[in-house]
Amino acid sequence: MQKIEQNPSLPALWLWLSVFLFFFAALPQPLWAQVNDPTALPTPADDELVVVAGGHGAVVYTADGTVVTTAGAGARLVASARSADDEWLLVHMGDGQEGWALRSALLIFERMTLPMIDLDVTALNDAATSAERANAEKAESVLATPTAAPATRAAPDTEESTTVEAGTNTGDSDTGDSHTGDVSAAQNDTTTENVITALVRTGEQRLNVRSGPGTDYPVIGKAAAGSTVAIIARNADQSWLQIRLDGIDGGFGWVATPFVAVTAPLGDLPIVDNVNDDAVVLAAAGGNIAGGTAANDAAPSRAQPAGLQGKLVFVARNGGTIYLYNLASGALQPLTTGNDPSLSPDGTQVAFTRGGGENGIYLINVDGSNERKIFGERELLRSPKWSPDGRWLVFSRGDEFNKCYLDEDTGECLRFTPFFTEGLETGKDHVRKLARVDTNGDNYRDLAVVPEAFAPDWGNGGIVYQSAAGLQITQDTPEDNNRLLYFEIRRQYHQDPVWQPGSGGRIIFQQRQGSHYEIFAINSDGSGLVALTRPVTAFFDQLPSNVSPAWSPDGQSIVFLSNRTAENEAGAWRLWVMNADGSNQRPLPITVPLDYGYALEQMVDWGP
């Protein structure tokens, strides 16, 4: 058999070719603000840095504040010097232009001390401030309060075939009614795989997402500056781009082209003009929300919410003033100060706790009389709740400790023992447990619970509480009758459970959903989990939270704390109410400023 000789140079050639292709693929892709070919970037010297314009782009100025150019988002520049205050960098572009750019507008990936130039930055700072103001005014029409949708469709534009390159501002960038008229079903199908990523470029503002391609269509969401969106289609003149909205009814919305930087040419995208009529329209500022009063236009505290009975007791902040609010009359009165107020089943007394030098569990009558401390033999007392018959109080205590090793960087207790403990400091980790006493503070008993027991609530089916292992139910007995109610390891943070009054088996609680909290309900056997609150849209800088729920005495309504605004984004905290199934959510006419610190405060309770 003849032996075939291999060329020894071929493996080496393939190796170098593979390395070249790998690094070529790893290079950052350009952001297509325009379709012009980019110019070559000058090679940086040893004391220079390659930097990248951030998500909002970078304006480049001369030392006297004159604008040289604007580097689009993702543009690569060479920085050679810095100002004395480190706020400005001298940058150079591939076309030979140079000037000063704000350091905060650039992405810097290496640590290097650039040479310092003694520069008077007054003119630069003034120019940057003026530019920010001008950009805000320029974007005002895009970022304005939504207007009502037109009653009829606008006629097609006679110049709709004129192509405008992505990123080109044609003047009033959020106006015009460029439509292609009726289109076929194929044109309206936006499930195409041809998707382009785009970066929102609106300075510090947020970009309105509208139901159709024009400012006469209502706002259905808002995209945060610097966020990315998926472009799936365009209108005929490319002045508006259709984006995919997975969390919105209808699945899509429209944004103005000049306020996004796209990662590829738009010519291959389908041309459509369909309108998302299924999406929820954001209410205008000062308008009504969910059938109630706008969050920033609250009614006086004497107003009476229709159809609601009983009394609310709530605290303005952890350790702050505790108020009593009569739902029938609208009367509001301060009672005392403390934490975690809870109304007795007969509506005559309020239990609460205080910390520090006044550590203990307290009771006070609803008329403000007879405040007294009933128990203070344990430390770090929180969240007292009444038994259904009003004879007992269950509460959380945190005066036991586990020894632990401290993290060298954060100083926090490590949840595990490291392999090498030499040199590590030791500390104590608070352990939360539950106990109960009678209303005189006597007959103390520890309850059988799993670690990190907190926020108990006592119902006819037992005592439900949160723990490190999810929601649990225990009993007021010497025996260990603890059982798991609900635990989702991928979610966790199941907090502040509350048992439905009477024989109802529903338990409500709050659960973290990424950056915010929502309220859920579940049956006492762990079945029937359902979300009672949910965000209207994900296109916000910060999504609102709904926390600290409590049942009405008849089990038909739920009061809770929410920081949603009239436009359904995060704002000031207010007391809200909804039906037991999550419907008819509306704010209560209470104007007391509230502050929820995400410290498991039980902010409000509802009694007869």
Foldseek 3Di string as FASTA:
>chain_A
DDDDDDDVCVVVVVVVVVVVVVVVVVDDFDFPLDDDDFADADDDDPQKFKKFFALQWWFFAALQLHTPGTGHGGFIWIFAEAEPVRQWTWTAGRVGDIGITGPVRIGGDDDHHHHYDHGDCPSVVVNVVVVLVVLCVLCCLQQDFAAAADPDADDADPPLQAADWFQDQPGSLAADRHAPPDDDPVLVDLPDPPKWKKAFHRRQGWGFWFQWRHRNGFGQFTAGHGDMWIFRAAARHRQKTKTAFPQWVVGITITGRNRITIRDTRVVHRHHTDGRPRGDGFDGAQDFDLPAGFPVDFDALQDADPPDAFKKWFAQEAQHWIWIAGNHGSDIDTQGTAFAWAAFQQRFKIWGAHADPRGAIWIATNVNPDIDGQAHPAHPWGHWEAANVRFKIKTKGFRDWDKAWADPPPRDGDPDHDPDCPPTDIDIDTWMFMWMATPNNDPIDTWQDDTPWHQWYHAPVAIWTQHQAGIWGAHPDPDGPIDDQDGDPVWDPWHNWYAQYDPAQKIKTWTDDVQEIFIWIAGRNNPDIDTLDDQSGPNDPAAKYWHQWEAANNRFKIKTWIQQGSRRGGHFIFIWMATNSNHSIYTDSYDSGHDYDPPRTNGMYTHD
